[in-house]
Amino acid sequence: MMTISSSDSPNPGSSSAAIPSTDTTLNKPWNRRRIILAAFVVSIVAIILINVPITVINKKSSPTDRYSKIRAIVQSISSHNDLYNASSLQARALDWIVYDDTLNISEIHVPWIRQRYILAVFYYSTGGNSTWSNTFQFLSPTHECTWNDPLNGNGIWCDSSTMNILEMVFGKCNIYMLES
């Protein structure tokens, strides 16, 4: 039940207590349905407005286009021959970033692509999952700055503001360079 207080009273000088209102439109079933429907519509519109810009921003380029862009970025690090040799560790790292890395870093983040590529080459060249006693979540869909073990201090450590690697620590982890 709706009430009108003395400050809402048509007689401002009156000091009467709350007066029951005879307006019961909020209690009618059809009005409650309209309110629920309006809330539902507003929710759907909000979801669409939030997701449409994200979809436009995250519009993925074709795999071939992405491969070309990322290969151009990492060619400043690895030789043309290594990137085009399907059996090389560098080609494997490039393929991982383009096709398997679910973090899917945009091509506009050149420093992060380079950093992630270098770590993937390091991982593959040292045996990674097959020889390391702790993989530190390498090649996981998280930022490479989380590829570490805070309990023993091993792994990748970054500057928290720039997300650039500061150091790599791998004491007693069975990490060694594989013979090629």
C-alpha atoms as a PDB file:
ATOM      1  CA  MET A   1       0.000   0.000   0.000  1.00  0.00           C
ATOM      2  CA  MET A   2       1.285   3.428  -0.913  1.00  0.00           C
ATOM      3  CA  THR A   3       1.180   6.202   1.690  1.00  0.00           C
ATOM      4  CA  ILE A   4       1.380   9.940   1.498  1.00  0.00           C
ATOM      5  CA  SER A   5       3.330  11.603   4.274  1.00  0.00           C
ATOM      6  CA  SER A   6       2.461  14.951   5.748  1.00  0.00           C
ATOM      7  CA  SER A   7       5.122  16.652   3.627  1.00  0.00           C
ATOM      8  CA  ASP A   8       3.391  15.309   0.495  1.00  0.00           C
ATOM      9  CA  SER A   9      -0.044  16.340   1.716  1.00  0.00           C
ATOM     10  CA  PRO A  10      -2.052  18.775  -0.381  1.00  0.00           C
ATOM     11  CA  ASN A  11      -2.441  20.827   2.827  1.00  0.00           C
ATOM     12  CA  PRO A  12       1.146  21.878   3.712  1.00  0.00           C
ATOM     13  CA  GLY A  13       0.139  23.161   7.134  1.00  0.00           C
ATOM     14  CA  SER A  14      -1.507  19.909   8.120  1.00  0.00           C
ATOM     15  CA  SER A  15       0.337  17.646  10.551  1.00  0.00           C
ATOM     16  CA  SER A  16      -1.705  14.513  10.026  1.00  0.00           C
ATOM     17  CA  ALA A  17      -0.072  11.060  10.084  1.00  0.00           C
ATOM     18  CA  ALA A  18       0.384   8.944   6.984  1.00  0.00           C
ATOM     19  CA  ILE A  19      -2.748   8.723   4.886  1.00  0.00           C
ATOM     20  CA  PRO A  20      -3.341   5.486   2.983  1.00  0.00           C
ATOM     21  CA  SER A  21      -3.428   5.944  -0.757  1.00  0.00           C
ATOM     22  CA  THR A  22      -6.156   4.466  -2.842  1.00  0.00           C
ATOM     23  CA  ASP A  23      -3.756   4.051  -5.806  1.00  0.00           C
ATOM     24  CA  THR A  24      -3.304   0.310  -6.235  1.00  0.00           C
ATOM     25  CA  THR A  25      -2.046   0.244  -9.838  1.00  0.00           C
ATOM     26  CA  LEU A  26       1.315  -1.218  -8.747  1.00  0.00           C
ATOM     27  CA  ASN A  27      -0.504  -4.167  -7.219  1.00  0.00           C
ATOM     28  CA  LYS A  28      -2.362  -5.123 -10.390  1.00  0.00           C
ATOM     29  CA  PRO A  29      -0.920  -8.246 -12.097  1.00  0.00           C
ATOM     30  CA  TRP A  30      -0.809  -6.655 -15.564  1.00  0.00           C
ATOM     31  CA  ASN A  31       1.263  -3.742 -14.224  1.00  0.00           C
ATOM     32  CA  ARG A  32       3.783  -6.061 -12.543  1.00  0.00           C
ATOM     33  CA  ARG A  33       4.151  -7.937 -15.842  1.00  0.00           C
ATOM     34  CA  ARG A  34       4.844  -4.681 -17.668  1.00  0.00           C
ATOM     35  CA  ILE A  35       7.523  -3.760 -15.130  1.00  0.00           C
ATOM     36  CA  ILE A  36       9.138  -7.209 -15.424  1.00  0.00           C
ATOM     37  CA  LEU A  37       8.988  -7.010 -19.240  1.00  0.00           C
ATOM     38  CA  ALA A  38      10.540  -3.523 -19.201  1.00  0.00           C
ATOM     39  CA  ALA A  39      13.353  -4.729 -16.923  1.00  0.00           C
ATOM     40  CA  PHE A  40      13.941  -7.685 -19.248  1.00  0.00           C
ATOM     41  CA  VAL A  41      14.089  -5.450 -22.333  1.00  0.00           C
ATOM     42  CA  VAL A  42      16.471  -3.029 -20.617  1.00  0.00           C
ATOM     43  CA  SER A  43      18.709  -5.979 -19.636  1.00  0.00           C
ATOM     44  CA  ILE A  44      18.809  -7.312 -23.200  1.00  0.00           C
ATOM     45  CA  VAL A  45      19.625  -3.873 -24.615  1.00  0.00           C
ATOM     46  CA  ALA A  46      22.407  -3.423 -22.034  1.00  0.00           C
ATOM     47  CA  ILE A  47      23.902  -6.812 -22.927  1.00  0.00           C
ATOM     48  CA  ILE A  48      23.832  -5.955 -26.636  1.00  0.00           C
ATOM     49  CA  LEU A  49      25.381  -2.511 -26.093  1.00  0.00           C
ATOM     50  CA  ILE A  50      28.175  -4.010 -24.002  1.00  0.00           C
ATOM     51  CA  ASN A  51      28.940  -6.912 -26.358  1.00  0.00           C
ATOM     52  CA  VAL A  52      28.696  -5.230 -29.761  1.00  0.00           C
ATOM     53  CA  PRO A  53      31.722  -2.939 -29.237  1.00  0.00           C
ATOM     54  CA  ILE A  54      33.721  -5.890 -27.861  1.00  0.00           C
ATOM     55  CA  THR A  55      32.867  -7.935 -30.947  1.00  0.00           C
ATOM     56  CA  VAL A  56      33.967  -5.121 -33.238  1.00  0.00           C
ATOM     57  CA  ILE A  57      37.226  -4.623 -31.298  1.00  0.00           C
ATOM     58  CA  ASN A  58      37.999  -8.354 -31.198  1.00  0.00           C
ATOM     59  CA  LYS A  59      37.232  -8.947 -34.847  1.00  0.00           C
ATOM     60  CA  LYS A  60      39.732 -11.612 -35.774  1.00  0.00           C
ATOM     61  CA  SER A  61      41.751 -11.487 -38.927  1.00  0.00           C
ATOM     62  CA  SER A  62      41.946 -14.600 -41.041  1.00  0.00           C
ATOM     63  CA  PRO A  63      44.540 -17.175 -39.886  1.00  0.00           C
ATOM     64  CA  THR A  64      46.613 -16.505 -43.013  1.00  0.00           C
ATOM     65  CA  ASP A  65      46.532 -12.743 -42.417  1.00  0.00           C
ATOM     66  CA  ARG A  66      47.384 -13.186 -38.715  1.00  0.00           C
ATOM     67  CA  TYR A  67      50.209 -15.576 -39.602  1.00  0.00           C
ATOM     68  CA  SER A  68      51.702 -13.055 -42.048  1.00  0.00           C
ATOM     69  CA  LYS A  69      51.490 -10.178 -39.566  1.00  0.00           C
ATOM     70  CA  ILE A  70      53.042 -12.110 -36.686  1.00  0.00           C
ATOM     71  CA  ARG A  71      55.723 -13.648 -38.916  1.00  0.00           C
ATOM     72  CA  ALA A  72      56.684 -10.102 -39.997  1.00  0.00           C
ATOM     73  CA  ILE A  73      57.019  -9.132 -36.320  1.00  0.00           C
ATOM     74  CA  VAL A  74      59.239 -12.084 -35.342  1.00  0.00           C
ATOM     75  CA  GLN A  75      61.430 -11.881 -38.470  1.00  0.00           C
ATOM     76  CA  SER A  76      63.410  -9.241 -36.601  1.00  0.00           C
ATOM     77  CA  ILE A  77      64.327 -12.003 -34.110  1.00  0.00           C
ATOM     78  CA  SER A  78      64.610 -15.199 -36.182  1.00  0.00           C
ATOM     79  CA  SER A  79      65.929 -15.803 -39.657  1.00  0.00           C
ATOM     80  CA  HIS A  80      63.716 -16.191 -42.685  1.00  0.00           C
ATOM     81  CA  ASN A  81      64.973 -19.766 -43.146  1.00  0.00           C
ATOM     82  CA  ASP A  82      64.128 -20.761 -39.555  1.00  0.00           C
ATOM     83  CA  LEU A  83      60.616 -19.334 -39.808  1.00  0.00           C
ATOM     84  CA  TYR A  84      59.907 -21.106 -43.092  1.00  0.00           C
ATOM     85  CA  ASN A  85      61.435 -24.437 -42.033  1.00  0.00           C
ATOM     86  CA  ALA A  86      58.399 -26.296 -40.645  1.00  0.00           C
ATOM     87  CA  SER A  87      60.585 -28.500 -38.439  1.00  0.00           C
ATOM     88  CA  SER A  88      62.465 -25.632 -36.757  1.00  0.00           C
ATOM     89  CA  LEU A  89      61.792 -24.568 -33.178  1.00  0.00           C
ATOM     90  CA  GLN A  90      61.212 -21.019 -34.385  1.00  0.00           C
ATOM     91  CA  ALA A  91      58.488 -22.143 -36.823  1.00  0.00           C
ATOM     92  CA  ARG A  92      56.939 -24.215 -34.052  1.00  0.00           C
ATOM     93  CA  ALA A  93      56.871 -21.168 -31.732  1.00  0.00           C
ATOM     94  CA  LEU A  94      55.360 -19.018 -34.497  1.00  0.00           C
ATOM     95  CA  ASP A  95      52.697 -21.655 -35.197  1.00  0.00           C
ATOM     96  CA  TRP A  96      51.875 -21.863 -31.478  1.00  0.00           C
ATOM     97  CA  ILE A  97      51.308 -18.093 -31.231  1.00  0.00           C
ATOM     98  CA  VAL A  98      49.198 -17.940 -34.392  1.00  0.00           C
ATOM     99  CA  TYR A  99      47.135 -21.140 -34.128  1.00  0.00           C
ATOM    100  CA  ASP A 100      47.261 -22.543 -30.587  1.00  0.00           C
ATOM    101  CA  ASP A 101      47.785 -19.664 -28.159  1.00  0.00           C
ATOM    102  CA  THR A 102      44.294 -18.983 -26.830  1.00  0.00           C
ATOM    103  CA  LEU A 103      45.399 -15.703 -25.242  1.00  0.00           C
ATOM    104  CA  ASN A 104      45.352 -14.508 -28.868  1.00  0.00           C
ATOM    105  CA  ILE A 105      47.351 -11.297 -28.413  1.00  0.00           C
ATOM    106  CA  SER A 106      46.533  -8.689 -31.032  1.00  0.00           C
ATOM    107  CA  GLU A 107      49.142  -7.971 -33.690  1.00  0.00           C
ATOM    108  CA  ILE A 108      49.269  -4.361 -32.494  1.00  0.00           C
ATOM    109  CA  HIS A 109      51.036  -5.460 -29.287  1.00  0.00           C
ATOM    110  CA  VAL A 110      54.408  -5.983 -30.972  1.00  0.00           C
ATOM    111  CA  PRO A 111      56.568  -6.050 -27.790  1.00  0.00           C
ATOM    112  CA  TRP A 112      54.322  -8.670 -26.154  1.00  0.00           C
ATOM    113  CA  ILE A 113      54.277 -10.817 -29.300  1.00  0.00           C
ATOM    114  CA  ARG A 114      58.080 -10.704 -29.445  1.00  0.00           C
ATOM    115  CA  GLN A 115      58.370 -11.492 -25.747  1.00  0.00           C
ATOM    116  CA  ARG A 116      55.930 -14.393 -25.957  1.00  0.00           C
ATOM    117  CA  TYR A 117      57.586 -15.723 -29.127  1.00  0.00           C
ATOM    118  CA  ILE A 118      61.057 -15.674 -27.516  1.00  0.00           C
ATOM    119  CA  LEU A 119      59.727 -17.576 -24.504  1.00  0.00           C
ATOM    120  CA  ALA A 120      58.053 -20.151 -26.776  1.00  0.00           C
ATOM    121  CA  VAL A 121      61.338 -20.670 -28.656  1.00  0.00           C
ATOM    122  CA  PHE A 122      63.129 -21.016 -25.297  1.00  0.00           C
ATOM    123  CA  TYR A 123      60.527 -23.543 -24.114  1.00  0.00           C
ATOM    124  CA  TYR A 124      60.775 -25.665 -27.259  1.00  0.00           C
ATOM    125  CA  SER A 125      64.585 -25.467 -27.425  1.00  0.00           C
ATOM    126  CA  THR A 126      64.974 -26.717 -23.850  1.00  0.00           C
ATOM    127  CA  GLY A 127      62.550 -29.627 -24.080  1.00  0.00           C
ATOM    128  CA  GLY A 128      59.699 -27.895 -22.279  1.00  0.00           C
ATOM    129  CA  ASN A 129      57.076 -30.288 -21.046  1.00  0.00           C
ATOM    130  CA  SER A 130      59.184 -33.407 -21.649  1.00  0.00           C
ATOM    131  CA  THR A 131      62.260 -32.431 -19.601  1.00  0.00           C
ATOM    132  CA  TRP A 132      61.383 -29.648 -17.169  1.00  0.00           C
ATOM    133  CA  SER A 133      60.590 -30.671 -13.603  1.00  0.00           C
ATOM    134  CA  ASN A 134      58.180 -27.698 -13.425  1.00  0.00           C
ATOM    135  CA  THR A 135      56.656 -26.137 -16.557  1.00  0.00           C
ATOM    136  CA  PHE A 136      55.670 -22.878 -14.784  1.00  0.00           C
ATOM    137  CA  GLN A 137      52.516 -22.750 -16.929  1.00  0.00           C
ATOM    138  CA  PHE A 138      54.621 -22.019 -20.024  1.00  0.00           C
ATOM    139  CA  LEU A 139      52.520 -21.769 -23.172  1.00  0.00           C
ATOM    140  CA  SER A 140      49.360 -21.423 -21.087  1.00  0.00           C
ATOM    141  CA  PRO A 141      46.625 -18.925 -22.061  1.00  0.00           C
ATOM    142  CA  THR A 142      47.770 -16.501 -19.360  1.00  0.00           C
ATOM    143  CA  HIS A 143      50.165 -13.585 -19.687  1.00  0.00           C
ATOM    144  CA  GLU A 144      53.751 -14.786 -19.697  1.00  0.00           C
ATOM    145  CA  CYS A 145      54.466 -12.727 -16.583  1.00  0.00           C
ATOM    146  CA  THR A 146      52.446 -15.324 -14.648  1.00  0.00           C
ATOM    147  CA  TRP A 147      54.633 -18.202 -15.831  1.00  0.00           C
ATOM    148  CA  ASN A 148      56.424 -18.629 -12.522  1.00  0.00           C
ATOM    149  CA  ASP A 149      56.390 -20.367  -9.155  1.00  0.00           C
ATOM    150  CA  PRO A 150      56.228 -17.775  -6.381  1.00  0.00           C
ATOM    151  CA  LEU A 151      57.055 -20.396  -3.735  1.00  0.00           C
ATOM    152  CA  ASN A 152      60.560 -21.107  -5.019  1.00  0.00           C
ATOM    153  CA  GLY A 153      61.169 -17.955  -7.069  1.00  0.00           C
ATOM    154  CA  ASN A 154      61.660 -19.771 -10.371  1.00  0.00           C
ATOM    155  CA  GLY A 155      60.140 -18.762 -13.682  1.00  0.00           C
ATOM    156  CA  ILE A 156      59.478 -15.503 -15.496  1.00  0.00           C
ATOM    157  CA  TRP A 157      59.471 -12.272 -13.486  1.00  0.00           C
ATOM    158  CA  CYS A 158      58.233  -8.990 -14.949  1.00  0.00           C
ATOM    159  CA  ASP A 159      57.943  -5.315 -14.218  1.00  0.00           C
ATOM    160  CA  SER A 160      54.370  -5.019 -12.940  1.00  0.00           C
ATOM    161  CA  SER A 161      53.715  -1.688 -14.663  1.00  0.00           C
ATOM    162  CA  THR A 162      55.095  -2.477 -18.147  1.00  0.00           C
ATOM    163  CA  MET A 163      54.685  -6.289 -18.151  1.00  0.00           C
ATOM    164  CA  ASN A 164      58.173  -6.543 -19.623  1.00  0.00           C
ATOM    165  CA  ILE A 165      60.374  -9.421 -18.495  1.00  0.00           C
ATOM    166  CA  LEU A 166      62.949  -8.449 -15.893  1.00  0.00           C
ATOM    167  CA  GLU A 167      64.466 -11.876 -15.289  1.00  0.00           C
ATOM    168  CA  MET A 168      64.190 -15.587 -15.887  1.00  0.00           C
ATOM    169  CA  VAL A 169      65.136 -17.844 -12.970  1.00  0.00           C
ATOM    170  CA  PHE A 170      65.361 -21.618 -13.398  1.00  0.00           C
ATOM    171  CA  GLY A 171      67.388 -23.119 -10.559  1.00  0.00           C
ATOM    172  CA  LYS A 172      67.257 -26.930 -10.272  1.00  0.00           C
ATOM    173  CA  CYS A 173      64.494 -27.357 -12.861  1.00  0.00           C
ATOM    174  CA  ASN A 174      66.234 -29.783 -15.280  1.00  0.00           C
ATOM    175  CA  ILE A 175      66.345 -27.142 -17.995  1.00  0.00           C
ATOM    176  CA  TYR A 176      69.070 -27.537 -20.573  1.00  0.00           C
ATOM    177  CA  MET A 177      69.497 -26.809 -24.254  1.00  0.00           C
ATOM    178  CA  LEU A 178      68.584 -29.678 -26.561  1.00  0.00           C
ATOM    179  CA  GLU A 179      70.982 -30.650 -29.272  1.00  0.00           C
ATOM    180  CA  SER A 180      69.709 -29.752 -32.698  1.00  0.00           C
END
